[in-house]
Amino acid sequence: MKIPDAVYDILKWVGLIVLPGCAWFVGRVAPAWGWDNVDAIVITLNSLGTLIGVLIGVSTLNYYKDEGGEE
């Protein structure tokens, strides 16, 4: 599975910047607002970031394998 460059760039930005930032924000702000299940929300956001990281990692490995490039 190779991800197109534009999709790769978006997923990388979302997985490395957006989701961890949202998880941190929710973890800090949600208790002040009395939200329930804050831990579950934070775990879900971080898990999505990890899943995206795995997907782009697999795509990168496949790219180098198919292109004969060096890592």
PDB file of N, CA and C in Angstrom:
ATOM      1  N   MET A   1       0.845  -1.170   0.000  1.00  0.00           N
ATOM      2  CA  MET A   1       0.000   0.000   0.000  1.00  0.00           C
ATOM      3  C   MET A   1       0.891   1.234   0.000  1.00  0.00           C
ATOM      4  N   LYS A   2       0.788   2.038  -1.040  1.00  0.00           N
ATOM      5  CA  LYS A   2       1.493   3.311  -1.081  1.00  0.00           C
ATOM      6  C   LYS A   2       0.469   4.428  -1.028  1.00  0.00           C
ATOM      7  N   ILE A   3       0.704   5.383  -0.167  1.00  0.00           N
ATOM      8  CA  ILE A   3      -0.188   6.524  -0.020  1.00  0.00           C
ATOM      9  C   ILE A   3       0.324   7.644  -0.930  1.00  0.00           C
ATOM     10  N   PRO A   4      -0.570   8.311  -1.677  1.00  0.00           N
ATOM     11  CA  PRO A   4      -0.131   9.447  -2.492  1.00  0.00           C
ATOM     12  C   PRO A   4       0.527  10.531  -1.630  1.00  0.00           C
ATOM     13  N   ASP A   5       1.451  11.276  -2.222  1.00  0.00           N
ATOM     14  CA  ASP A   5       2.225  12.269  -1.470  1.00  0.00           C
ATOM     15  C   ASP A   5       1.363  13.268  -0.712  1.00  0.00           C
ATOM     16  N   ALA A   6       0.326  13.791  -1.342  1.00  0.00           N
ATOM     17  CA  ALA A   6      -0.528  14.795  -0.689  1.00  0.00           C
ATOM     18  C   ALA A   6      -1.240  14.202   0.523  1.00  0.00           C
ATOM     19  N   VAL A   7      -1.734  12.977   0.382  1.00  0.00           N
ATOM     20  CA  VAL A   7      -2.415  12.307   1.497  1.00  0.00           C
ATOM     21  C   VAL A   7      -1.415  12.001   2.603  1.00  0.00           C
ATOM     22  N   TYR A   8      -0.220  11.562   2.215  1.00  0.00           N
ATOM     23  CA  TYR A   8       0.838  11.275   3.189  1.00  0.00           C
ATOM     24  C   TYR A   8       1.149  12.519   4.019  1.00  0.00           C
ATOM     25  N   ASP A   9       1.306  13.659   3.351  1.00  0.00           N
ATOM     26  CA  ASP A   9       1.633  14.896   4.055  1.00  0.00           C
ATOM     27  C   ASP A   9       0.529  15.299   5.033  1.00  0.00           C
ATOM     28  N   ILE A  10      -0.718  15.149   4.603  1.00  0.00           N
ATOM     29  CA  ILE A  10      -1.843  15.494   5.479  1.00  0.00           C
ATOM     30  C   ILE A  10      -1.902  14.546   6.665  1.00  0.00           C
ATOM     31  N   LEU A  11      -1.790  13.247   6.408  1.00  0.00           N
ATOM     32  CA  LEU A  11      -1.834  12.268   7.502  1.00  0.00           C
ATOM     33  C   LEU A  11      -0.684  12.477   8.482  1.00  0.00           C
ATOM     34  N   LYS A  12       0.480  12.790   7.955  1.00  0.00           N
ATOM     35  CA  LYS A  12       1.633  13.023   8.825  1.00  0.00           C
ATOM     36  C   LYS A  12       1.377  14.229   9.723  1.00  0.00           C
ATOM     37  N   TRP A  13       0.835  15.304   9.158  1.00  0.00           N
ATOM     38  CA  TRP A  13       0.534  16.504   9.935  1.00  0.00           C
ATOM     39  C   TRP A  13      -0.528  16.207  10.991  1.00  0.00           C
ATOM     40  N   VAL A  14      -1.582  15.482  10.594  1.00  0.00           N
ATOM     41  CA  VAL A  14      -2.651  15.150  11.540  1.00  0.00           C
ATOM     42  C   VAL A  14      -2.134  14.226  12.638  1.00  0.00           C
ATOM     43  N   GLY A  15      -1.371  13.198  12.246  1.00  0.00           N
ATOM     44  CA  GLY A  15      -0.890  12.210  13.221  1.00  0.00           C
ATOM     45  C   GLY A  15       0.170  12.737  14.167  1.00  0.00           C
ATOM     46  N   LEU A  16       1.014  13.660  13.679  1.00  0.00           N
ATOM     47  CA  LEU A  16       2.121  14.146  14.510  1.00  0.00           C
ATOM     48  C   LEU A  16       1.844  15.466  15.219  1.00  0.00           C
ATOM     49  N   ILE A  17       0.924  16.268  14.691  1.00  0.00           N
ATOM     50  CA  ILE A  17       0.674  17.584  15.266  1.00  0.00           C
ATOM     51  C   ILE A  17      -0.754  17.720  15.802  1.00  0.00           C
ATOM     52  N   VAL A  18      -1.735  17.481  14.954  1.00  0.00           N
ATOM     53  CA  VAL A  18      -3.121  17.788  15.297  1.00  0.00           C
ATOM     54  C   VAL A  18      -3.660  16.900  16.420  1.00  0.00           C
ATOM     55  N   LEU A  19      -3.597  15.585  16.240  1.00  0.00           N
ATOM     56  CA  LEU A  19      -4.189  14.694  17.243  1.00  0.00           C
ATOM     57  C   LEU A  19      -3.487  14.764  18.602  1.00  0.00           C
ATOM     58  N   PRO A  20      -2.147  14.754  18.652  1.00  0.00           N
ATOM     59  CA  PRO A  20      -1.519  14.906  19.966  1.00  0.00           C
ATOM     60  C   PRO A  20      -1.850  16.259  20.617  1.00  0.00           C
ATOM     61  N   GLY A  21      -1.924  17.305  19.800  1.00  0.00           N
ATOM     62  CA  GLY A  21      -2.291  18.618  20.336  1.00  0.00           C
ATOM     63  C   GLY A  21      -3.703  18.630  20.877  1.00  0.00           C
ATOM     64  N   CYS A  22      -4.617  18.022  20.152  1.00  0.00           N
ATOM     65  CA  CYS A  22      -6.005  17.929  20.624  1.00  0.00           C
ATOM     66  C   CYS A  22      -6.104  17.092  21.895  1.00  0.00           C
ATOM     67  N   ALA A  23      -5.358  15.998  21.945  1.00  0.00           N
ATOM     68  CA  ALA A  23      -5.380  15.145  23.140  1.00  0.00           C
ATOM     69  C   ALA A  23      -4.882  15.924  24.353  1.00  0.00           C
ATOM     70  N   TRP A  24      -3.808  16.671  24.174  1.00  0.00           N
ATOM     71  CA  TRP A  24      -3.277  17.475  25.281  1.00  0.00           C
ATOM     72  C   TRP A  24      -4.294  18.525  25.706  1.00  0.00           C
ATOM     73  N   PHE A  25      -4.876  19.221  24.729  1.00  0.00           N
ATOM     74  CA  PHE A  25      -5.860  20.268  25.017  1.00  0.00           C
ATOM     75  C   PHE A  25      -7.064  19.710  25.769  1.00  0.00           C
ATOM     76  N   VAL A  26      -7.611  18.613  25.272  1.00  0.00           N
ATOM     77  CA  VAL A  26      -8.772  18.005  25.921  1.00  0.00           C
ATOM     78  C   VAL A  26      -8.415  17.537  27.331  1.00  0.00           C
ATOM     79  N   GLY A  27      -7.225  16.957  27.487  1.00  0.00           N
ATOM     80  CA  GLY A  27      -6.797  16.490  28.804  1.00  0.00           C
ATOM     81  C   GLY A  27      -6.682  17.603  29.828  1.00  0.00           C
ATOM     82  N   ARG A  28      -6.375  18.811  29.361  1.00  0.00           N
ATOM     83  CA  ARG A  28      -6.226  19.947  30.272  1.00  0.00           C
ATOM     84  C   ARG A  28      -7.527  20.710  30.492  1.00  0.00           C
ATOM     85  N   VAL A  29      -8.306  20.895  29.428  1.00  0.00           N
ATOM     86  CA  VAL A  29      -9.484  21.759  29.493  1.00  0.00           C
ATOM     87  C   VAL A  29     -10.747  21.023  29.926  1.00  0.00           C
ATOM     88  N   ALA A  30     -10.916  19.789  29.476  1.00  0.00           N
ATOM     89  CA  ALA A  30     -12.159  19.055  29.739  1.00  0.00           C
ATOM     90  C   ALA A  30     -12.493  18.928  31.228  1.00  0.00           C
ATOM     91  N   PRO A  31     -11.519  18.632  32.104  1.00  0.00           N
ATOM     92  CA  PRO A  31     -11.877  18.554  33.527  1.00  0.00           C
ATOM     93  C   PRO A  31     -12.415  19.880  34.079  1.00  0.00           C
ATOM     94  N   ALA A  32     -11.906  20.989  33.569  1.00  0.00           N
ATOM     95  CA  ALA A  32     -12.381  22.289  34.033  1.00  0.00           C
ATOM     96  C   ALA A  32     -13.841  22.526  33.647  1.00  0.00           C
ATOM     97  N   TRP A  33     -14.265  21.903  32.566  1.00  0.00           N
ATOM     98  CA  TRP A  33     -15.635  22.041  32.102  1.00  0.00           C
ATOM     99  C   TRP A  33     -16.532  20.919  32.615  1.00  0.00           C
ATOM    100  N   GLY A  34     -15.970  20.002  33.368  1.00  0.00           N
ATOM    101  CA  GLY A  34     -16.753  18.926  33.960  1.00  0.00           C
ATOM    102  C   GLY A  34     -17.155  17.836  32.990  1.00  0.00           C
ATOM    103  N   TRP A  35     -16.373  17.655  31.922  1.00  0.00           N
ATOM    104  CA  TRP A  35     -16.683  16.601  30.954  1.00  0.00           C
ATOM    105  C   TRP A  35     -16.459  15.231  31.579  1.00  0.00           C
ATOM    106  N   ASP A  36     -17.281  14.290  31.186  1.00  0.00           N
ATOM    107  CA  ASP A  36     -17.121  12.910  31.628  1.00  0.00           C
ATOM    108  C   ASP A  36     -16.193  12.167  30.669  1.00  0.00           C
ATOM    109  N   ASN A  37     -15.586  11.105  31.156  1.00  0.00           N
ATOM    110  CA  ASN A  37     -14.777  10.197  30.327  1.00  0.00           C
ATOM    111  C   ASN A  37     -13.625  10.887  29.607  1.00  0.00           C
ATOM    112  N   VAL A  38     -12.996  11.840  30.268  1.00  0.00           N
ATOM    113  CA  VAL A  38     -11.878  12.568  29.656  1.00  0.00           C
ATOM    114  C   VAL A  38     -10.749  11.609  29.296  1.00  0.00           C
ATOM    115  N   ASP A  39     -10.458  10.669  30.180  1.00  0.00           N
ATOM    116  CA  ASP A  39      -9.385   9.707  29.897  1.00  0.00           C
ATOM    117  C   ASP A  39      -9.669   8.920  28.623  1.00  0.00           C
ATOM    118  N   ALA A  40     -10.905   8.504  28.428  1.00  0.00           N
ATOM    119  CA  ALA A  40     -11.264   7.745  27.227  1.00  0.00           C
ATOM    120  C   ALA A  40     -11.099   8.592  25.974  1.00  0.00           C
ATOM    121  N   ILE A  41     -11.433   9.864  26.056  1.00  0.00           N
ATOM    122  CA  ILE A  41     -11.279  10.758  24.902  1.00  0.00           C
ATOM    123  C   ILE A  41      -9.807  10.935  24.562  1.00  0.00           C
ATOM    124  N   VAL A  42      -8.993  11.176  25.574  1.00  0.00           N
ATOM    125  CA  VAL A  42      -7.556  11.370  25.359  1.00  0.00           C
ATOM    126  C   VAL A  42      -6.917  10.097  24.802  1.00  0.00           C
ATOM    127  N   ILE A  43      -7.265   8.963  25.358  1.00  0.00           N
ATOM    128  CA  ILE A  43      -6.731   7.688  24.864  1.00  0.00           C
ATOM    129  C   ILE A  43      -7.141   7.463  23.413  1.00  0.00           C
ATOM    130  N   THR A  44      -8.372   7.778  23.066  1.00  0.00           N
ATOM    131  CA  THR A  44      -8.851   7.611  21.692  1.00  0.00           C
ATOM    132  C   THR A  44      -8.077   8.509  20.729  1.00  0.00           C
ATOM    133  N   LEU A  45      -7.889   9.775  21.085  1.00  0.00           N
ATOM    134  CA  LEU A  45      -7.142  10.696  20.223  1.00  0.00           C
ATOM    135  C   LEU A  45      -5.699  10.222  20.035  1.00  0.00           C
ATOM    136  N   ASN A  46      -5.058   9.814  21.120  1.00  0.00           N
ATOM    137  CA  ASN A  46      -3.680   9.332  21.013  1.00  0.00           C
ATOM    138  C   ASN A  46      -3.596   8.020  20.222  1.00  0.00           C
ATOM    139  N   SER A  47      -4.587   7.175  20.362  1.00  0.00           N
ATOM    140  CA  SER A  47      -4.609   5.922  19.604  1.00  0.00           C
ATOM    141  C   SER A  47      -4.782   6.179  18.113  1.00  0.00           C
ATOM    142  N   LEU A  48      -5.607   7.146  17.757  1.00  0.00           N
ATOM    143  CA  LEU A  48      -5.757   7.513  16.353  1.00  0.00           C
ATOM    144  C   LEU A  48      -4.448   8.052  15.785  1.00  0.00           C
ATOM    145  N   GLY A  49      -3.749   8.858  16.573  1.00  0.00           N
ATOM    146  CA  GLY A  49      -2.444   9.359  16.135  1.00  0.00           C
ATOM    147  C   GLY A  49      -1.456   8.232  15.907  1.00  0.00           C
ATOM    148  N   THR A  50      -1.471   7.255  16.796  1.00  0.00           N
ATOM    149  CA  THR A  50      -0.580   6.105  16.649  1.00  0.00           C
ATOM    150  C   THR A  50      -0.948   5.286  15.419  1.00  0.00           C
ATOM    151  N   LEU A  51      -2.231   5.070  15.193  1.00  0.00           N
ATOM    152  CA  LEU A  51      -2.678   4.329  14.016  1.00  0.00           C
ATOM    153  C   LEU A  51      -2.229   5.033  12.733  1.00  0.00           C
ATOM    154  N   ILE A  52      -2.389   6.327  12.679  1.00  0.00           N
ATOM    155  CA  ILE A  52      -1.944   7.074  11.503  1.00  0.00           C
ATOM    156  C   ILE A  52      -0.437   6.935  11.327  1.00  0.00           C
ATOM    157  N   GLY A  53       0.310   6.997  12.422  1.00  0.00           N
ATOM    158  CA  GLY A  53       1.758   6.812  12.347  1.00  0.00           C
ATOM    159  C   GLY A  53       2.131   5.456  11.782  1.00  0.00           C
ATOM    160  N   VAL A  54       1.426   4.430  12.179  1.00  0.00           N
ATOM    161  CA  VAL A  54       1.684   3.078  11.662  1.00  0.00           C
ATOM    162  C   VAL A  54       1.371   3.018  10.169  1.00  0.00           C
ATOM    163  N   LEU A  55       0.260   3.600   9.764  1.00  0.00           N
ATOM    164  CA  LEU A  55      -0.120   3.570   8.348  1.00  0.00           C
ATOM    165  C   LEU A  55       0.887   4.297   7.467  1.00  0.00           C
ATOM    166  N   ILE A  56       1.354   5.459   7.908  1.00  0.00           N
ATOM    167  CA  ILE A  56       2.327   6.164   7.075  1.00  0.00           C
ATOM    168  C   ILE A  56       3.691   5.472   7.137  1.00  0.00           C
ATOM    169  N   GLY A  57       3.987   4.809   8.235  1.00  0.00           N
ATOM    170  CA  GLY A  57       5.222   4.037   8.317  1.00  0.00           C
ATOM    171  C   GLY A  57       5.222   2.863   7.358  1.00  0.00           C
ATOM    172  N   VAL A  58       4.108   2.156   7.283  1.00  0.00           N
ATOM    173  CA  VAL A  58       3.983   1.035   6.342  1.00  0.00           C
ATOM    174  C   VAL A  58       4.080   1.549   4.911  1.00  0.00           C
ATOM    175  N   SER A  59       3.437   2.667   4.641  1.00  0.00           N
ATOM    176  CA  SER A  59       3.501   3.247   3.306  1.00  0.00           C
ATOM    177  C   SER A  59       4.936   3.619   2.940  1.00  0.00           C
ATOM    178  N   THR A  60       5.669   4.185   3.886  1.00  0.00           N
ATOM    179  CA  THR A  60       7.057   4.559   3.629  1.00  0.00           C
ATOM    180  C   THR A  60       7.914   3.329   3.358  1.00  0.00           C
ATOM    181  N   LEU A  61       7.746   2.278   4.143  1.00  0.00           N
ATOM    182  CA  LEU A  61       8.497   1.047   3.911  1.00  0.00           C
ATOM    183  C   LEU A  61       8.199   0.467   2.539  1.00  0.00           C
ATOM    184  N   ASN A  62       6.922   0.461   2.161  1.00  0.00           N
ATOM    185  CA  ASN A  62       6.545  -0.050   0.847  1.00  0.00           C
ATOM    186  C   ASN A  62       7.113   0.815  -0.271  1.00  0.00           C
ATOM    187  N   TYR A  63       7.152   2.105  -0.072  1.00  0.00           N
ATOM    188  CA  TYR A  63       7.715   3.001  -1.073  1.00  0.00           C
ATOM    189  C   TYR A  63       9.180   2.655  -1.316  1.00  0.00           C
ATOM    190  N   TYR A  64       9.958   2.530  -0.224  1.00  0.00           N
ATOM    191  CA  TYR A  64      11.379   2.225  -0.380  1.00  0.00           C
ATOM    192  C   TYR A  64      11.598   0.818  -0.944  1.00  0.00           C
ATOM    193  N   LYS A  65      10.732  -0.111  -0.578  1.00  0.00           N
ATOM    194  CA  LYS A  65      10.866  -1.469  -1.102  1.00  0.00           C
ATOM    195  C   LYS A  65      10.578  -1.489  -2.605  1.00  0.00           C
ATOM    196  N   ASP A  66       9.520  -0.814  -3.039  1.00  0.00           N
ATOM    197  CA  ASP A  66       9.135  -0.803  -4.442  1.00  0.00           C
ATOM    198  C   ASP A  66      10.072   0.034  -5.297  1.00  0.00           C
ATOM    199  N   GLU A  67      10.579   1.127  -4.748  1.00  0.00           N
ATOM    200  CA  GLU A  67      11.435   2.028  -5.508  1.00  0.00           C
ATOM    201  C   GLU A  67      12.918   1.628  -5.447  1.00  0.00           C
ATOM    202  N   GLY A  68      13.229   0.714  -4.557  1.00  0.00           N
ATOM    203  CA  GLY A  68      14.622   0.301  -4.405  1.00  0.00           C
ATOM    204  C   GLY A  68      15.470   1.370  -3.742  1.00  0.00           C
ATOM    205  N   GLY A  69      14.815   2.301  -3.078  1.00  0.00           N
ATOM    206  CA  GLY A  69      15.527   3.383  -2.411  1.00  0.00           C
ATOM    207  C   GLY A  69      16.148   2.918  -1.107  1.00  0.00           C
ATOM    208  N   GLU A  70      16.907   3.802  -0.526  1.00  0.00           N
ATOM    209  CA  GLU A  70      17.529   3.504   0.757  1.00  0.00           C
ATOM    210  C   GLU A  70      16.802   4.238   1.848  1.00  0.00           C
ATOM    211  N   GLU A  71      16.725   3.611   3.012  1.00  0.00           N
ATOM    212  CA  GLU A  71      16.057   4.229   4.142  1.00  0.00           C
ATOM    213  C   GLU A  71      16.982   5.147   4.875  1.00  0.00           C
TER     214      GLU A  71
END
